[in-house]
């Protein structure tokens, strides 16, 4: 009986660890879940602040660098 209980407990722990790893989002080399994009959504707003230009769309701030738009501050 003890062996079965230990086996079931270990199997449950293994299932939980695999499930949490499967839910993790892939990240690029900057640690950001969203890679830079070539264009912004059409409903963006331009914001100038302290000499920097940012773009805001759908709850996210973007910044342009080398022709790509990334989550601010990415660059």
PDB file of N, CA and C in Angstrom:
ATOM      1  N   UNK A   1       0.820  -1.194   0.000  1.00  0.00           N
ATOM      2  CA  UNK A   1       0.000   0.000   0.000  1.00  0.00           C
ATOM      3  C   UNK A   1       0.867   1.263   0.000  1.00  0.00           C
ATOM      4  N   UNK A   2       1.937   1.259   0.769  1.00  0.00           N
ATOM      5  CA  UNK A   2       2.847   2.403   0.852  1.00  0.00           C
ATOM      6  C   UNK A   2       3.456   2.706  -0.517  1.00  0.00           C
ATOM      7  N   UNK A   3       3.884   1.677  -1.245  1.00  0.00           N
ATOM      8  CA  UNK A   3       4.495   1.872  -2.566  1.00  0.00           C
ATOM      9  C   UNK A   3       3.509   2.508  -3.543  1.00  0.00           C
ATOM     10  N   UNK A   4       2.262   2.078  -3.505  1.00  0.00           N
ATOM     11  CA  UNK A   4       1.255   2.633  -4.414  1.00  0.00           C
ATOM     12  C   UNK A   4       1.015   4.111  -4.099  1.00  0.00           C
ATOM     13  N   UNK A   5       0.937   4.451  -2.827  1.00  0.00           N
ATOM     14  CA  UNK A   5       0.731   5.838  -2.425  1.00  0.00           C
ATOM     15  C   UNK A   5       1.893   6.709  -2.887  1.00  0.00           C
ATOM     16  N   UNK A   6       3.112   6.246  -2.697  1.00  0.00           N
ATOM     17  CA  UNK A   6       4.294   6.998  -3.126  1.00  0.00           C
ATOM     18  C   UNK A   6       4.299   7.137  -4.647  1.00  0.00           C
ATOM     19  N   UNK A   7       3.954   6.071  -5.363  1.00  0.00           N
ATOM     20  CA  UNK A   7       3.922   6.112  -6.821  1.00  0.00           C
ATOM     21  C   UNK A   7       2.888   7.135  -7.321  1.00  0.00           C
ATOM     22  N   UNK A   8       1.713   7.137  -6.753  1.00  0.00           N
ATOM     23  CA  UNK A   8       0.664   8.082  -7.159  1.00  0.00           C
ATOM     24  C   UNK A   8       1.100   9.519  -6.852  1.00  0.00           C
ATOM     25  N   UNK A   9       1.696   9.730  -5.699  1.00  0.00           N
ATOM     26  CA  UNK A   9       2.177  11.061  -5.328  1.00  0.00           C
ATOM     27  C   UNK A   9       3.251  11.540  -6.305  1.00  0.00           C
ATOM     28  N   UNK A  10       4.203  10.706  -6.650  1.00  0.00           N
ATOM     29  CA  UNK A  10       5.274  11.079  -7.578  1.00  0.00           C
ATOM     30  C   UNK A  10       4.712  11.328  -8.981  1.00  0.00           C
ATOM     31  N   UNK A  11       3.751  10.525  -9.390  1.00  0.00           N
ATOM     32  CA  UNK A  11       3.133  10.724 -10.706  1.00  0.00           C
ATOM     33  C   UNK A  11       2.401  12.062 -10.751  1.00  0.00           C
ATOM     34  N   UNK A  12       1.723  12.432  -9.672  1.00  0.00           N
ATOM     35  CA  UNK A  12       1.021  13.714  -9.616  1.00  0.00           C
ATOM     36  C   UNK A  12       2.010  14.879  -9.694  1.00  0.00           C
ATOM     37  N   UNK A  13       3.122  14.785  -8.985  1.00  0.00           N
ATOM     38  CA  UNK A  13       4.146  15.839  -9.042  1.00  0.00           C
ATOM     39  C   UNK A  13       4.726  15.968 -10.443  1.00  0.00           C
ATOM     40  N   UNK A  14       4.958  14.853 -11.095  1.00  0.00           N
ATOM     41  CA  UNK A  14       5.496  14.880 -12.452  1.00  0.00           C
ATOM     42  C   UNK A  14       4.505  15.554 -13.400  1.00  0.00           C
ATOM     43  N   UNK A  15       3.236  15.225 -13.279  1.00  0.00           N
ATOM     44  CA  UNK A  15       2.215  15.842 -14.135  1.00  0.00           C
ATOM     45  C   UNK A  15       2.148  17.353 -13.915  1.00  0.00           C
ATOM     46  N   UNK A  16       2.226  17.793 -12.683  1.00  0.00           N
ATOM     47  CA  UNK A  16       2.179  19.226 -12.399  1.00  0.00           C
ATOM     48  C   UNK A  16       3.393  19.953 -12.962  1.00  0.00           C
ATOM     49  N   UNK A  17       4.563  19.356 -12.866  1.00  0.00           N
ATOM     50  CA  UNK A  17       5.766  20.014 -13.376  1.00  0.00           C
ATOM     51  C   UNK A  17       5.749  20.091 -14.898  1.00  0.00           C
ATOM     52  N   UNK A  18       5.234  19.078 -15.563  1.00  0.00           N
ATOM     53  CA  UNK A  18       5.140  19.108 -17.020  1.00  0.00           C
ATOM     54  C   UNK A  18       4.116  20.136 -17.459  1.00  0.00           C
ATOM     55  N   UNK A  19       3.000  20.244 -16.768  1.00  0.00           N
ATOM     56  CA  UNK A  19       1.962  21.213 -17.126  1.00  0.00           C
ATOM     57  C   UNK A  19       2.466  22.641 -16.984  1.00  0.00           C
ATOM     58  N   UNK A  20       3.208  22.947 -15.929  1.00  0.00           N
ATOM     59  CA  UNK A  20       3.696  24.306 -15.748  1.00  0.00           C
ATOM     60  C   UNK A  20       4.751  24.661 -16.790  1.00  0.00           C
ATOM     61  N   UNK A  21       5.569  23.691 -17.205  1.00  0.00           N
ATOM     62  CA  UNK A  21       6.563  23.948 -18.236  1.00  0.00           C
ATOM     63  C   UNK A  21       5.907  24.160 -19.594  1.00  0.00           C
ATOM     64  N   UNK A  22       4.811  23.473 -19.853  1.00  0.00           N
ATOM     65  CA  UNK A  22       4.112  23.619 -21.128  1.00  0.00           C
ATOM     66  C   UNK A  22       3.417  24.966 -21.232  1.00  0.00           C
ATOM     67  N   UNK A  23       3.056  25.585 -20.125  1.00  0.00           N
ATOM     68  CA  UNK A  23       2.375  26.871 -20.140  1.00  0.00           C
ATOM     69  C   UNK A  23       3.332  28.046 -20.262  1.00  0.00           C
ATOM     70  N   UNK A  24       4.616  27.826 -20.103  1.00  0.00           N
ATOM     71  CA  UNK A  24       5.590  28.907 -20.181  1.00  0.00           C
ATOM     72  C   UNK A  24       5.645  29.451 -21.602  1.00  0.00           C
ATOM     73  N   UNK A  25       5.776  30.774 -21.730  1.00  0.00           N
ATOM     74  CA  UNK A  25       5.832  31.403 -23.039  1.00  0.00           C
ATOM     75  C   UNK A  25       7.266  31.417 -23.543  1.00  0.00           C
ATOM     76  N   UNK A  26       7.447  31.180 -24.837  1.00  0.00           N
ATOM     77  CA  UNK A  26       8.800  31.265 -25.385  1.00  0.00           C
ATOM     78  C   UNK A  26       9.292  32.706 -25.355  1.00  0.00           C
ATOM     79  N   UNK A  27      10.555  32.894 -25.167  1.00  0.00           N
ATOM     80  CA  UNK A  27      11.127  34.236 -25.098  1.00  0.00           C
ATOM     81  C   UNK A  27      12.268  34.365 -26.095  1.00  0.00           C
ATOM     82  N   UNK A  28      12.436  35.575 -26.625  1.00  0.00           N
ATOM     83  CA  UNK A  28      13.561  35.795 -27.506  1.00  0.00           C
ATOM     84  C   UNK A  28      14.801  36.136 -26.670  1.00  0.00           C
ATOM     85  N   UNK A  29      15.877  36.491 -27.306  1.00  0.00           N
ATOM     86  CA  UNK A  29      17.140  36.698 -26.581  1.00  0.00           C
ATOM     87  C   UNK A  29      17.130  37.915 -25.658  1.00  0.00           C
ATOM     88  N   UNK A  30      16.117  38.770 -25.745  1.00  0.00           N
ATOM     89  CA  UNK A  30      16.031  39.922 -24.845  1.00  0.00           C
ATOM     90  C   UNK A  30      15.176  39.633 -23.625  1.00  0.00           C
ATOM     91  N   UNK A  31      14.621  38.433 -23.517  1.00  0.00           N
ATOM     92  CA  UNK A  31      13.763  38.104 -22.397  1.00  0.00           C
ATOM     93  C   UNK A  31      12.347  38.628 -22.578  1.00  0.00           C
ATOM     94  N   UNK A  32      12.013  39.017 -23.804  1.00  0.00           N
ATOM     95  CA  UNK A  32      10.694  39.567 -24.109  1.00  0.00           C
ATOM     96  C   UNK A  32       9.845  38.491 -24.771  1.00  0.00           C
ATOM     97  N   UNK A  33       8.573  38.385 -24.373  1.00  0.00           N
ATOM     98  CA  UNK A  33       7.693  37.361 -24.941  1.00  0.00           C
ATOM     99  C   UNK A  33       7.230  37.718 -26.344  1.00  0.00           C
ATOM    100  N   UNK A  34       7.389  38.958 -26.770  1.00  0.00           N
ATOM    101  CA  UNK A  34       6.925  39.388 -28.082  1.00  0.00           C
ATOM    102  C   UNK A  34       8.106  39.902 -28.898  1.00  0.00           C
ATOM    103  N   UNK A  35       8.444  39.230 -29.989  1.00  0.00           N
ATOM    104  CA  UNK A  35       9.573  39.694 -30.801  1.00  0.00           C
ATOM    105  C   UNK A  35       9.248  41.000 -31.523  1.00  0.00           C
ATOM    106  N   UNK A  36      10.257  41.756 -31.938  1.00  0.00           N
ATOM    107  CA  UNK A  36      10.021  43.002 -32.674  1.00  0.00           C
ATOM    108  C   UNK A  36       9.221  42.757 -33.957  1.00  0.00           C
ATOM    109  N   UNK A  37       8.456  43.768 -34.370  1.00  0.00           N
ATOM    110  CA  UNK A  37       7.600  43.669 -35.546  1.00  0.00           C
ATOM    111  C   UNK A  37       8.035  44.676 -36.602  1.00  0.00           C
ATOM    112  N   UNK A  38       7.721  44.385 -37.862  1.00  0.00           N
ATOM    113  CA  UNK A  38       8.042  45.310 -38.949  1.00  0.00           C
ATOM    114  C   UNK A  38       7.064  46.479 -39.015  1.00  0.00           C
ATOM    115  N   UNK A  39       5.836  46.282 -38.570  1.00  0.00           N
ATOM    116  CA  UNK A  39       4.848  47.357 -38.610  1.00  0.00           C
ATOM    117  C   UNK A  39       3.994  47.323 -37.346  1.00  0.00           C
ATOM    118  N   UNK A  40       3.322  48.441 -37.090  1.00  0.00           N
ATOM    119  CA  UNK A  40       2.454  48.559 -35.918  1.00  0.00           C
ATOM    120  C   UNK A  40       0.998  48.384 -36.321  1.00  0.00           C
ATOM    121  N   UNK A  41       0.134  48.055 -35.380  1.00  0.00           N
ATOM    122  CA  UNK A  41      -1.298  48.052 -35.684  1.00  0.00           C
ATOM    123  C   UNK A  41      -1.743  49.449 -36.131  1.00  0.00           C
ATOM    124  N   UNK A  42      -2.754  49.520 -36.977  1.00  0.00           N
ATOM    125  CA  UNK A  42      -3.169  50.803 -37.545  1.00  0.00           C
ATOM    126  C   UNK A  42      -3.739  51.765 -36.499  1.00  0.00           C
ATOM    127  N   UNK A  43      -4.156  51.261 -35.374  1.00  0.00           N
ATOM    128  CA  UNK A  43      -4.755  52.121 -34.342  1.00  0.00           C
ATOM    129  C   UNK A  43      -3.732  52.612 -33.322  1.00  0.00           C
ATOM    130  N   UNK A  44      -2.489  52.838 -33.731  1.00  0.00           N
ATOM    131  CA  UNK A  44      -1.461  53.276 -32.776  1.00  0.00           C
ATOM    132  C   UNK A  44      -1.500  54.781 -32.578  1.00  0.00           C
ATOM    133  N   UNK A  45      -0.961  55.212 -31.436  1.00  0.00           N
ATOM    134  CA  UNK A  45      -0.835  56.635 -31.117  1.00  0.00           C
ATOM    135  C   UNK A  45       0.640  56.951 -30.911  1.00  0.00           C
ATOM    136  N   UNK A  46       1.074  58.057 -31.466  1.00  0.00           N
ATOM    137  CA  UNK A  46       2.463  58.490 -31.308  1.00  0.00           C
ATOM    138  C   UNK A  46       2.570  59.340 -30.051  1.00  0.00           C
ATOM    139  N   UNK A  47       3.596  59.063 -29.234  1.00  0.00           N
ATOM    140  CA  UNK A  47       3.815  59.803 -27.995  1.00  0.00           C
ATOM    141  C   UNK A  47       5.276  60.235 -27.956  1.00  0.00           C
ATOM    142  N   UNK A  48       5.518  61.536 -27.848  1.00  0.00           N
ATOM    143  CA  UNK A  48       6.877  62.070 -27.709  1.00  0.00           C
ATOM    144  C   UNK A  48       7.102  62.414 -26.245  1.00  0.00           C
ATOM    145  N   UNK A  49       8.171  61.871 -25.672  1.00  0.00           N
ATOM    146  CA  UNK A  49       8.461  62.098 -24.257  1.00  0.00           C
ATOM    147  C   UNK A  49       9.964  62.190 -24.051  1.00  0.00           C
ATOM    148  N   UNK A  50      10.430  63.317 -23.501  1.00  0.00           N
ATOM    149  CA  UNK A  50      11.859  63.539 -23.207  1.00  0.00           C
ATOM    150  C   UNK A  50      12.752  63.257 -24.405  1.00  0.00           C
ATOM    151  N   UNK A  51      12.327  63.688 -25.579  1.00  0.00           N
ATOM    152  CA  UNK A  51      13.138  63.503 -26.778  1.00  0.00           C
ATOM    153  C   UNK A  51      13.054  62.111 -27.384  1.00  0.00           C
ATOM    154  N   UNK A  52      12.257  61.228 -26.832  1.00  0.00           N
ATOM    155  CA  UNK A  52      12.075  59.875 -27.370  1.00  0.00           C
ATOM    156  C   UNK A  52      10.668  59.743 -27.945  1.00  0.00           C
ATOM    157  N   UNK A  53      10.537  58.958 -29.007  1.00  0.00           N
ATOM    158  CA  UNK A  53       9.242  58.722 -29.620  1.00  0.00           C
ATOM    159  C   UNK A  53       8.792  57.310 -29.302  1.00  0.00           C
ATOM    160  N   UNK A  54       7.591  57.194 -28.764  1.00  0.00           N
ATOM    161  CA  UNK A  54       6.980  55.905 -28.446  1.00  0.00           C
ATOM    162  C   UNK A  54       5.662  55.794 -29.201  1.00  0.00           C
ATOM    163  N   UNK A  55       5.210  54.581 -29.376  1.00  0.00           N
ATOM    164  CA  UNK A  55       3.915  54.336 -29.992  1.00  0.00           C
ATOM    165  C   UNK A  55       3.113  53.460 -29.046  1.00  0.00           C
ATOM    166  N   UNK A  56       1.812  53.767 -28.931  1.00  0.00           N
ATOM    167  CA  UNK A  56       0.939  53.030 -28.017  1.00  0.00           C
ATOM    168  C   UNK A  56      -0.187  52.393 -28.809  1.00  0.00           C
ATOM    169  N   UNK A  57      -0.413  51.094 -28.596  1.00  0.00           N
ATOM    170  CA  UNK A  57      -1.507  50.400 -29.266  1.00  0.00           C
ATOM    171  C   UNK A  57      -1.886  49.167 -28.464  1.00  0.00           C
ATOM    172  N   UNK A  58      -3.179  48.991 -28.248  1.00  0.00           N
ATOM    173  CA  UNK A  58      -3.726  47.791 -27.587  1.00  0.00           C
ATOM    174  C   UNK A  58      -3.056  47.502 -26.243  1.00  0.00           C
ATOM    175  N   UNK A  59      -2.820  48.553 -25.461  1.00  0.00           N
ATOM    176  CA  UNK A  59      -2.276  48.354 -24.128  1.00  0.00           C
ATOM    177  C   UNK A  59      -0.778  48.142 -24.056  1.00  0.00           C
ATOM    178  N   UNK A  60      -0.080  48.301 -25.169  1.00  0.00           N
ATOM    179  CA  UNK A  60       1.379  48.115 -25.181  1.00  0.00           C
ATOM    180  C   UNK A  60       2.070  49.344 -25.746  1.00  0.00           C
ATOM    181  N   UNK A  61       3.246  49.644 -25.230  1.00  0.00           N
ATOM    182  CA  UNK A  61       4.076  50.711 -25.754  1.00  0.00           C
ATOM    183  C   UNK A  61       5.149  50.093 -26.641  1.00  0.00           C
ATOM    184  N   UNK A  62       5.408  50.749 -27.777  1.00  0.00           N
ATOM    185  CA  UNK A  62       6.416  50.282 -28.723  1.00  0.00           C
ATOM    186  C   UNK A  62       7.432  51.390 -28.949  1.00  0.00           C
ATOM    187  N   UNK A  63       8.597  50.974 -29.418  1.00  0.00           N
ATOM    188  CA  UNK A  63       9.643  51.916 -29.779  1.00  0.00           C
ATOM    189  C   UNK A  63      10.288  51.436 -31.069  1.00  0.00           C
ATOM    190  N   UNK A  64      10.680  52.350 -31.948  1.00  0.00           N
ATOM    191  CA  UNK A  64      11.272  51.973 -33.218  1.00  0.00           C
ATOM    192  C   UNK A  64      12.794  51.944 -33.119  1.00  0.00           C
ATOM    193  N   UNK A  65      13.379  50.916 -33.764  1.00  0.00           N
ATOM    194  CA  UNK A  65      14.833  50.798 -33.799  1.00  0.00           C
ATOM    195  C   UNK A  65      15.212  49.949 -35.013  1.00  0.00           C
ATOM    196  N   UNK A  66      16.045  50.501 -35.881  1.00  0.00           N
ATOM    197  CA  UNK A  66      16.506  49.805 -37.089  1.00  0.00           C
ATOM    198  C   UNK A  66      15.349  49.268 -37.934  1.00  0.00           C
ATOM    199  N   UNK A  67      14.284  50.052 -38.065  1.00  0.00           N
ATOM    200  CA  UNK A  67      13.162  49.672 -38.902  1.00  0.00           C
ATOM    201  C   UNK A  67      12.200  48.678 -38.288  1.00  0.00           C
ATOM    202  N   UNK A  68      12.428  48.290 -37.033  1.00  0.00           N
ATOM    203  CA  UNK A  68      11.539  47.364 -36.340  1.00  0.00           C
ATOM    204  C   UNK A  68      10.917  48.053 -35.132  1.00  0.00           C
ATOM    205  N   UNK A  69       9.751  47.592 -34.739  1.00  0.00           N
ATOM    206  CA  UNK A  69       9.065  48.119 -33.568  1.00  0.00           C
ATOM    207  C   UNK A  69       9.056  47.041 -32.489  1.00  0.00           C
ATOM    208  N   UNK A  70       9.542  47.387 -31.315  1.00  0.00           N
ATOM    209  CA  UNK A  70       9.588  46.433 -30.225  1.00  0.00           C
ATOM    210  C   UNK A  70       8.944  47.005 -28.986  1.00  0.00           C
ATOM    211  N   UNK A  71       8.653  46.141 -28.056  1.00  0.00           N
ATOM    212  CA  UNK A  71       8.048  46.556 -26.792  1.00  0.00           C
ATOM    213  C   UNK A  71       9.011  47.508 -26.080  1.00  0.00           C
ATOM    214  N   UNK A  72       8.519  48.654 -25.682  1.00  0.00           N
ATOM    215  CA  UNK A  72       9.374  49.645 -25.039  1.00  0.00           C
ATOM    216  C   UNK A  72       9.542  49.311 -23.564  1.00  0.00           C
ATOM    217  N   UNK A  73      10.689  49.519 -22.988  1.00  0.00           N
ATOM    218  CA  UNK A  73      11.973  49.795 -23.616  1.00  0.00           C
ATOM    219  C   UNK A  73      12.702  48.491 -23.960  1.00  0.00           C
ATOM    220  N   UNK A  74      12.771  48.175 -25.216  1.00  0.00           N
ATOM    221  CA  UNK A  74      13.441  46.970 -25.688  1.00  0.00           C
ATOM    222  C   UNK A  74      14.870  47.271 -26.092  1.00  0.00           C
ATOM    223  N   UNK A  75      15.069  48.422 -26.680  1.00  0.00           N
ATOM    224  CA  UNK A  75      16.360  48.713 -27.287  1.00  0.00           C
ATOM    225  C   UNK A  75      17.251  49.532 -26.404  1.00  0.00           C
TER     226      UNK A  75
END
